[in-house]
Structure formats: C-alpha cells, structure tokens
Amino acid sequence: MSKKAKISLLCAFLALIVAVVMQFMTGAWLPINTVLMAVAAGLVALAVVLDWRLYWEFLTMRTTKHGMNMGALILMVVLLLVCVNYLANNHNKTWDLTAEKLNSLSDQSKKVLDGLKEDLQIKVFYKGPSGQEGKQKVQQ
C-alpha cells in the first residue's frame, strides 16, 4: 500500500473519530458531523483509487472469493437473527406452562378486569426491614 493511501486512510479514520466524539459530547447530530463523514468517505475513496490494483488483486484471489461467500452467509444469519429478535420484541407473548396454571388469571378475573373503566391502582404496605423481601417479590 502506498504512503499516500495510508495517510488518506489515517485522516479518514481521524475524521470519523472526531464526528463520533462530537456526536457523543453534544448528544445531537450536527451538520459538521455530516461534513466530517463525507470527508472520511472521500478520503477512503481516494485511498482505493490510489491503490486500485492492490484491491483488485485481493478481490480476485480464490481465497477471497470463498471468504466472501462465508462472509455473506454470516451476514445473512446475523440479519435473520436481528429480524427474529425484532419480531419477538414487538410481538411479545407469554404462556403459562405450569401444570396448576399458577401464573394465569381465571376467566372470572379476566371479566372483572375487562369491565374496569380506568387503570387499577394497587397499594402495598410493608412492615419494617423484614418486609423488604416481600417488597422485592412484589416488584418482580
């Protein structure tokens, strides 16, 4: 890799770091961050243009082709896991699999809850330090 390409990649990395640090410090995405990201992308493109033969030889190697197949497969598996996680998070469903149905409401309780017009408030009183264990159980 040529010296100019190395310097270009280093400057792109520094611009990226500055953009991330500024976003972290301010808590908002500023227009200067967009400019820094564009500069970083331009410097990476410049590095690729300066050493295009190196990258072309790397991409046409047999081991690279097989590695890219494996990389694509890993990317698809990760994408599948992200989709499954997204669906599971948005469509949360629980089942009571205990034999005695300990964690389920009876039909009568469901009717009472459906008939409520406003939210139900429950107040629990704890006695002394020995009640802290009960408080933790209720909170869970």
N, C-alpha and C. Protein backbone atom coordinates (compact mmCIF):
# COMPACT_ATOMS: atom_id res chain seq x y z
N MET A 1 0.85 -1.17 0.00
CA MET A 1 0.00 0.00 0.00
C MET A 1 0.90 1.23 0.00
N SER A 2 0.53 2.20 -0.81
CA SER A 2 1.37 3.39 -0.94
C SER A 2 1.24 4.28 0.30
N LYS A 3 2.20 5.15 0.45
CA LYS A 3 2.24 6.05 1.61
C LYS A 3 1.07 7.03 1.57
N LYS A 4 0.73 7.52 0.37
CA LYS A 4 -0.39 8.45 0.23
C LYS A 4 -1.71 7.79 0.64
N ALA A 5 -1.89 6.53 0.25
CA ALA A 5 -3.12 5.82 0.61
C ALA A 5 -3.19 5.60 2.12
N LYS A 6 -2.06 5.28 2.75
CA LYS A 6 -2.04 5.10 4.20
C LYS A 6 -2.41 6.40 4.92
N ILE A 7 -1.85 7.52 4.45
CA ILE A 7 -2.16 8.82 5.06
C ILE A 7 -3.64 9.15 4.86
N SER A 8 -4.16 8.85 3.68
CA SER A 8 -5.57 9.10 3.39
C SER A 8 -6.48 8.30 4.32
N LEU A 9 -6.15 7.02 4.53
CA LEU A 9 -6.96 6.19 5.43
C LEU A 9 -6.84 6.65 6.87
N LEU A 10 -5.67 7.09 7.28
CA LEU A 10 -5.49 7.61 8.63
C LEU A 10 -6.33 8.87 8.85
N CYS A 11 -6.30 9.78 7.88
CA CYS A 11 -7.10 11.01 8.00
C CYS A 11 -8.60 10.68 8.01
N ALA A 12 -9.01 9.69 7.22
CA ALA A 12 -10.42 9.29 7.21
C ALA A 12 -10.82 8.73 8.57
N PHE A 13 -9.95 7.93 9.16
CA PHE A 13 -10.22 7.38 10.48
C PHE A 13 -10.33 8.49 11.52
N LEU A 14 -9.42 9.46 11.46
CA LEU A 14 -9.45 10.58 12.41
C LEU A 14 -10.72 11.41 12.24
N ALA A 15 -11.15 11.65 10.99
CA ALA A 15 -12.39 12.41 10.76
C ALA A 15 -13.58 11.65 11.32
N LEU A 16 -13.58 10.34 11.17
CA LEU A 16 -14.67 9.52 11.72
C LEU A 16 -14.68 9.58 13.23
N ILE A 17 -13.53 9.50 13.85
CA ILE A 17 -13.43 9.57 15.31
C ILE A 17 -13.91 10.93 15.82
N VAL A 18 -13.50 12.01 15.15
CA VAL A 18 -13.92 13.34 15.57
C VAL A 18 -15.45 13.47 15.47
N ALA A 19 -16.05 12.95 14.39
CA ALA A 19 -17.50 13.02 14.22
C ALA A 19 -18.22 12.25 15.33
N VAL A 20 -17.72 11.08 15.66
CA VAL A 20 -18.35 10.27 16.71
C VAL A 20 -18.21 10.94 18.07
N VAL A 21 -17.03 11.48 18.36
CA VAL A 21 -16.82 12.15 19.65
C VAL A 21 -17.69 13.39 19.76
N MET A 22 -17.81 14.15 18.69
CA MET A 22 -18.66 15.34 18.73
C MET A 22 -20.13 14.96 18.94
N GLN A 23 -20.56 13.89 18.29
CA GLN A 23 -21.95 13.45 18.47
C GLN A 23 -22.16 12.98 19.90
N PHE A 24 -21.20 12.30 20.46
CA PHE A 24 -21.31 11.81 21.83
C PHE A 24 -21.31 12.96 22.83
N MET A 25 -20.47 13.96 22.60
CA MET A 25 -20.36 15.08 23.53
C MET A 25 -21.59 15.99 23.48
N THR A 26 -22.10 16.24 22.29
CA THR A 26 -23.25 17.14 22.16
C THR A 26 -24.58 16.43 22.34
N GLY A 27 -24.62 15.14 22.07
CA GLY A 27 -25.86 14.38 22.18
C GLY A 27 -26.78 14.59 21.00
N ALA A 28 -26.31 15.28 19.98
CA ALA A 28 -27.12 15.53 18.79
C ALA A 28 -26.24 15.42 17.55
N TRP A 29 -26.88 15.14 16.42
CA TRP A 29 -26.14 15.05 15.17
C TRP A 29 -26.10 16.44 14.56
N LEU A 30 -24.89 17.01 14.49
CA LEU A 30 -24.70 18.36 13.98
C LEU A 30 -24.37 18.31 12.49
N PRO A 31 -24.60 19.41 11.77
CA PRO A 31 -24.25 19.44 10.34
C PRO A 31 -22.77 19.21 10.09
N ILE A 32 -21.91 19.62 11.04
CA ILE A 32 -20.47 19.40 10.87
C ILE A 32 -20.14 17.91 10.88
N ASN A 33 -20.95 17.13 11.60
CA ASN A 33 -20.72 15.68 11.62
C ASN A 33 -20.97 15.08 10.24
N THR A 34 -21.99 15.59 9.54
CA THR A 34 -22.25 15.13 8.18
C THR A 34 -21.09 15.47 7.26
N VAL A 35 -20.54 16.66 7.43
CA VAL A 35 -19.39 17.07 6.62
C VAL A 35 -18.19 16.16 6.92
N LEU A 36 -17.95 15.88 8.20
CA LEU A 36 -16.83 15.01 8.56
C LEU A 36 -17.01 13.60 8.00
N MET A 37 -18.23 13.10 8.02
CA MET A 37 -18.48 11.77 7.45
C MET A 37 -18.24 11.77 5.94
N ALA A 38 -18.65 12.85 5.27
CA ALA A 38 -18.42 12.97 3.83
C ALA A 38 -16.92 13.05 3.53
N VAL A 39 -16.20 13.79 4.34
CA VAL A 39 -14.74 13.88 4.17
C VAL A 39 -14.10 12.51 4.37
N ALA A 40 -14.54 11.78 5.38
CA ALA A 40 -13.99 10.45 5.63
C ALA A 40 -14.28 9.52 4.45
N ALA A 41 -15.50 9.57 3.94
CA ALA A 41 -15.84 8.73 2.78
C ALA A 41 -14.99 9.11 1.56
N GLY A 42 -14.79 10.41 1.35
CA GLY A 42 -13.96 10.86 0.24
C GLY A 42 -12.52 10.40 0.37
N LEU A 43 -11.99 10.46 1.59
CA LEU A 43 -10.60 10.02 1.80
C LEU A 43 -10.45 8.51 1.62
N VAL A 44 -11.45 7.74 2.03
CA VAL A 44 -11.40 6.29 1.78
C VAL A 44 -11.45 6.02 0.29
N ALA A 45 -12.32 6.74 -0.43
CA ALA A 45 -12.40 6.58 -1.89
C ALA A 45 -11.07 6.95 -2.54
N LEU A 46 -10.42 8.01 -2.06
CA LEU A 46 -9.12 8.40 -2.58
C LEU A 46 -8.08 7.30 -2.36
N ALA A 47 -8.10 6.67 -1.19
CA ALA A 47 -7.16 5.59 -0.90
C ALA A 47 -7.40 4.40 -1.83
N VAL A 48 -8.66 4.11 -2.11
CA VAL A 48 -8.97 3.00 -3.02
C VAL A 48 -8.51 3.33 -4.44
N VAL A 49 -8.73 4.57 -4.87
CA VAL A 49 -8.30 4.97 -6.21
C VAL A 49 -6.78 4.93 -6.33
N LEU A 50 -6.07 5.36 -5.30
CA LEU A 50 -4.61 5.37 -5.35
C LEU A 50 -4.03 3.96 -5.45
N ASP A 51 -4.64 3.00 -4.80
CA ASP A 51 -4.13 1.62 -4.80
C ASP A 51 -5.16 0.64 -5.37
N TRP A 52 -5.78 0.98 -6.48
CA TRP A 52 -6.85 0.15 -7.01
C TRP A 52 -6.35 -1.24 -7.43
N ARG A 53 -5.13 -1.34 -7.89
CA ARG A 53 -4.59 -2.65 -8.30
C ARG A 53 -4.48 -3.61 -7.11
N LEU A 54 -4.07 -3.10 -5.98
CA LEU A 54 -3.96 -3.91 -4.78
C LEU A 54 -5.32 -4.50 -4.40
N TYR A 55 -6.34 -3.65 -4.43
CA TYR A 55 -7.67 -4.12 -4.07
C TYR A 55 -8.23 -5.08 -5.13
N TRP A 56 -7.96 -4.81 -6.41
CA TRP A 56 -8.43 -5.69 -7.47
C TRP A 56 -7.80 -7.08 -7.35
N GLU A 57 -6.50 -7.12 -7.10
CA GLU A 57 -5.83 -8.41 -6.93
C GLU A 57 -6.37 -9.15 -5.71
N PHE A 58 -6.64 -8.42 -4.64
CA PHE A 58 -7.20 -9.04 -3.44
C PHE A 58 -8.58 -9.61 -3.71
N LEU A 59 -9.42 -8.87 -4.42
CA LEU A 59 -10.79 -9.32 -4.66
C LEU A 59 -10.88 -10.47 -5.66
N THR A 60 -9.87 -10.64 -6.51
CA THR A 60 -9.92 -11.71 -7.50
C THR A 60 -9.21 -12.98 -7.03
N MET A 61 -8.65 -12.97 -5.85
CA MET A 61 -8.00 -14.18 -5.33
C MET A 61 -9.05 -15.23 -5.00
N ARG A 62 -8.70 -16.50 -5.17
CA ARG A 62 -9.63 -17.60 -4.90
C ARG A 62 -10.03 -17.65 -3.43
N THR A 63 -9.07 -17.44 -2.55
CA THR A 63 -9.38 -17.50 -1.12
C THR A 63 -10.31 -16.35 -0.71
N THR A 64 -10.16 -15.21 -1.36
CA THR A 64 -11.04 -14.09 -1.05
C THR A 64 -12.47 -14.40 -1.47
N LYS A 65 -12.62 -15.01 -2.64
CA LYS A 65 -13.97 -15.34 -3.12
C LYS A 65 -14.67 -16.30 -2.16
N HIS A 66 -13.94 -17.32 -1.71
CA HIS A 66 -14.54 -18.27 -0.76
C HIS A 66 -14.81 -17.59 0.58
N GLY A 67 -13.91 -16.72 0.99
CA GLY A 67 -14.12 -15.99 2.23
C GLY A 67 -15.32 -15.06 2.14
N MET A 68 -15.53 -14.46 0.98
CA MET A 68 -16.70 -13.58 0.81
C MET A 68 -17.99 -14.39 0.85
N ASN A 69 -17.95 -15.62 0.31
CA ASN A 69 -19.13 -16.48 0.40
C ASN A 69 -19.46 -16.74 1.87
N MET A 70 -18.44 -17.04 2.66
CA MET A 70 -18.65 -17.28 4.09
C MET A 70 -19.12 -16.00 4.77
N GLY A 71 -18.54 -14.87 4.39
CA GLY A 71 -18.95 -13.59 4.96
C GLY A 71 -20.41 -13.27 4.64
N ALA A 72 -20.82 -13.56 3.41
CA ALA A 72 -22.22 -13.33 3.03
C ALA A 72 -23.14 -14.24 3.83
N LEU A 73 -22.73 -15.48 4.04
CA LEU A 73 -23.54 -16.41 4.83
C LEU A 73 -23.65 -15.93 6.28
N ILE A 74 -22.56 -15.49 6.85
CA ILE A 74 -22.59 -14.97 8.23
C ILE A 74 -23.48 -13.73 8.30
N LEU A 75 -23.38 -12.85 7.32
CA LEU A 75 -24.22 -11.65 7.28
C LEU A 75 -25.71 -12.02 7.20
N MET A 76 -26.05 -13.03 6.41
CA MET A 76 -27.46 -13.45 6.31
C MET A 76 -27.95 -14.04 7.62
N VAL A 77 -27.12 -14.81 8.31
CA VAL A 77 -27.51 -15.38 9.60
C VAL A 77 -27.72 -14.28 10.62
N VAL A 78 -26.82 -13.31 10.66
CA VAL A 78 -26.97 -12.19 11.59
C VAL A 78 -28.24 -11.40 11.27
N LEU A 79 -28.51 -11.17 9.99
CA LEU A 79 -29.72 -10.47 9.58
C LEU A 79 -30.97 -11.25 10.00
N LEU A 80 -30.94 -12.56 9.84
CA LEU A 80 -32.06 -13.40 10.26
C LEU A 80 -32.27 -13.30 11.77
N LEU A 81 -31.19 -13.33 12.54
CA LEU A 81 -31.31 -13.22 13.99
C LEU A 81 -31.84 -11.85 14.42
N VAL A 82 -31.42 -10.81 13.72
CA VAL A 82 -31.94 -9.47 14.03
C VAL A 82 -33.44 -9.40 13.74
N CYS A 83 -33.87 -9.98 12.63
CA CYS A 83 -35.30 -9.98 12.29
C CYS A 83 -36.11 -10.77 13.31
N VAL A 84 -35.61 -11.94 13.71
CA VAL A 84 -36.31 -12.74 14.71
C VAL A 84 -36.38 -11.99 16.03
N ASN A 85 -35.29 -11.34 16.43
CA ASN A 85 -35.28 -10.58 17.67
C ASN A 85 -36.26 -9.41 17.59
N TYR A 86 -36.32 -8.73 16.46
CA TYR A 86 -37.25 -7.62 16.28
C TYR A 86 -38.70 -8.09 16.41
N LEU A 87 -39.03 -9.19 15.73
CA LEU A 87 -40.39 -9.72 15.79
C LEU A 87 -40.73 -10.19 17.20
N ALA A 88 -39.80 -10.85 17.86
CA ALA A 88 -40.05 -11.33 19.22
C ALA A 88 -40.23 -10.17 20.19
N ASN A 89 -39.52 -9.08 19.96
CA ASN A 89 -39.63 -7.93 20.85
C ASN A 89 -40.95 -7.20 20.64
N ASN A 90 -41.40 -7.09 19.40
CA ASN A 90 -42.63 -6.35 19.10
C ASN A 90 -43.89 -7.17 19.30
N HIS A 91 -43.79 -8.48 19.26
CA HIS A 91 -44.95 -9.35 19.43
C HIS A 91 -44.72 -10.27 20.62
N ASN A 92 -44.61 -9.65 21.78
CA ASN A 92 -44.30 -10.39 23.00
C ASN A 92 -45.50 -11.25 23.40
N LYS A 93 -45.28 -12.51 23.62
CA LYS A 93 -46.32 -13.45 24.03
C LYS A 93 -45.75 -14.35 25.10
N THR A 94 -46.51 -14.56 26.17
CA THR A 94 -46.08 -15.45 27.24
C THR A 94 -47.10 -16.55 27.41
N TRP A 95 -46.64 -17.70 27.85
CA TRP A 95 -47.50 -18.84 28.10
C TRP A 95 -47.25 -19.35 29.52
N ASP A 96 -48.32 -19.77 30.16
CA ASP A 96 -48.20 -20.39 31.48
C ASP A 96 -48.14 -21.89 31.27
N LEU A 97 -46.97 -22.46 31.40
CA LEU A 97 -46.78 -23.89 31.15
C LEU A 97 -46.79 -24.72 32.42
N THR A 98 -47.12 -24.09 33.56
CA THR A 98 -47.18 -24.86 34.80
C THR A 98 -48.44 -25.73 34.78
N ALA A 99 -48.35 -26.90 35.39
CA ALA A 99 -49.48 -27.83 35.39
C ALA A 99 -50.68 -27.26 36.13
N GLU A 100 -50.44 -26.49 37.20
CA GLU A 100 -51.53 -25.94 38.01
C GLU A 100 -52.01 -24.58 37.50
N LYS A 101 -51.40 -24.07 36.42
CA LYS A 101 -51.73 -22.74 35.89
C LYS A 101 -51.60 -21.68 36.97
N LEU A 102 -50.45 -21.69 37.65
CA LEU A 102 -50.20 -20.78 38.77
C LEU A 102 -50.11 -19.32 38.33
N ASN A 103 -49.64 -19.06 37.13
CA ASN A 103 -49.42 -17.68 36.68
C ASN A 103 -50.48 -17.21 35.70
N SER A 104 -51.66 -17.82 35.74
CA SER A 104 -52.74 -17.45 34.83
C SER A 104 -53.91 -16.87 35.61
N LEU A 105 -54.67 -16.02 34.95
CA LEU A 105 -55.89 -15.48 35.54
C LEU A 105 -57.07 -16.36 35.15
N SER A 106 -58.02 -16.45 36.07
CA SER A 106 -59.23 -17.22 35.76
C SER A 106 -60.11 -16.40 34.83
N ASP A 107 -61.08 -17.05 34.20
CA ASP A 107 -61.99 -16.35 33.30
C ASP A 107 -62.77 -15.27 34.04
N GLN A 108 -63.15 -15.56 35.28
CA GLN A 108 -63.89 -14.59 36.09
C GLN A 108 -63.03 -13.34 36.34
N SER A 109 -61.75 -13.52 36.65
CA SER A 109 -60.85 -12.38 36.88
C SER A 109 -60.68 -11.57 35.60
N LYS A 110 -60.59 -12.24 34.47
CA LYS A 110 -60.46 -11.54 33.19
C LYS A 110 -61.70 -10.69 32.91
N LYS A 111 -62.90 -11.20 33.24
CA LYS A 111 -64.13 -10.44 33.03
C LYS A 111 -64.15 -9.19 33.91
N VAL A 112 -63.71 -9.35 35.16
CA VAL A 112 -63.68 -8.19 36.07
C VAL A 112 -62.71 -7.13 35.53
N LEU A 113 -61.53 -7.56 35.08
CA LEU A 113 -60.54 -6.61 34.56
C LEU A 113 -61.02 -5.95 33.27
N ASP A 114 -61.73 -6.70 32.41
CA ASP A 114 -62.25 -6.12 31.18
C ASP A 114 -63.33 -5.07 31.47
N GLY A 115 -64.03 -5.23 32.60
CA GLY A 115 -65.10 -4.31 32.95
C GLY A 115 -64.61 -3.01 33.58
N LEU A 116 -63.34 -2.91 33.92
CA LEU A 116 -62.81 -1.69 34.53
C LEU A 116 -62.76 -0.56 33.51
N LYS A 117 -63.14 0.63 33.96
CA LYS A 117 -63.14 1.79 33.07
C LYS A 117 -61.84 2.58 33.14
N GLU A 118 -61.09 2.43 34.21
CA GLU A 118 -59.81 3.15 34.36
C GLU A 118 -58.78 2.20 34.96
N ASP A 119 -57.53 2.66 34.98
CA ASP A 119 -56.44 1.83 35.48
C ASP A 119 -56.65 1.48 36.95
N LEU A 120 -56.25 0.29 37.29
CA LEU A 120 -56.34 -0.21 38.66
C LEU A 120 -55.05 0.13 39.39
N GLN A 121 -55.18 0.70 40.59
CA GLN A 121 -54.01 1.04 41.39
C GLN A 121 -53.97 0.10 42.59
N ILE A 122 -52.81 -0.46 42.83
CA ILE A 122 -52.63 -1.38 43.95
C ILE A 122 -51.63 -0.76 44.91
N LYS A 123 -52.00 -0.69 46.18
CA LYS A 123 -51.10 -0.16 47.19
C LYS A 123 -50.72 -1.30 48.12
N VAL A 124 -49.44 -1.42 48.37
CA VAL A 124 -48.91 -2.48 49.23
C VAL A 124 -48.15 -1.81 50.37
N PHE A 125 -48.39 -2.27 51.57
CA PHE A 125 -47.72 -1.73 52.75
C PHE A 125 -46.77 -2.78 53.29
N TYR A 126 -45.57 -2.34 53.65
CA TYR A 126 -44.54 -3.23 54.17
C TYR A 126 -44.24 -2.83 55.61
N LYS A 127 -44.00 -3.84 56.42
CA LYS A 127 -43.73 -3.58 57.82
C LYS A 127 -42.25 -3.82 58.11
N GLY A 128 -41.54 -2.76 58.40
CA GLY A 128 -40.16 -2.86 58.85
C GLY A 128 -39.21 -3.44 57.84
N PRO A 129 -37.98 -3.71 58.30
CA PRO A 129 -36.96 -4.24 57.40
C PRO A 129 -37.26 -5.67 56.94
N SER A 130 -38.05 -6.40 57.70
CA SER A 130 -38.36 -7.78 57.28
C SER A 130 -39.29 -7.78 56.06
N GLY A 131 -39.97 -6.68 55.81
CA GLY A 131 -40.88 -6.60 54.67
C GLY A 131 -40.17 -6.31 53.36
N GLN A 132 -38.88 -6.03 53.39
CA GLN A 132 -38.13 -5.73 52.17
C GLN A 132 -38.09 -6.92 51.22
N GLU A 133 -38.03 -8.12 51.80
CA GLU A 133 -38.02 -9.32 50.95
C GLU A 133 -39.35 -9.44 50.20
N GLY A 134 -40.43 -9.19 50.90
CA GLY A 134 -41.75 -9.22 50.27
C GLY A 134 -41.88 -8.12 49.22
N LYS A 135 -41.30 -6.96 49.49
CA LYS A 135 -41.35 -5.85 48.54
C LYS A 135 -40.65 -6.23 47.25
N GLN A 136 -39.50 -6.88 47.36
CA GLN A 136 -38.76 -7.29 46.16
C GLN A 136 -39.54 -8.32 45.37
N LYS A 137 -40.24 -9.22 46.04
CA LYS A 137 -41.04 -10.23 45.35
C LYS A 137 -42.19 -9.57 44.60
N VAL A 138 -42.84 -8.58 45.23
CA VAL A 138 -43.96 -7.89 44.58
C VAL A 138 -43.46 -7.11 43.37
N GLN A 139 -42.31 -6.46 43.49
CA GLN A 139 -41.77 -5.68 42.38
C GLN A 139 -41.41 -6.58 41.19
N GLN A 140 -40.97 -7.79 41.48
CA GLN A 140 -40.64 -8.72 40.41
C GLN A 140 -41.90 -9.16 39.70
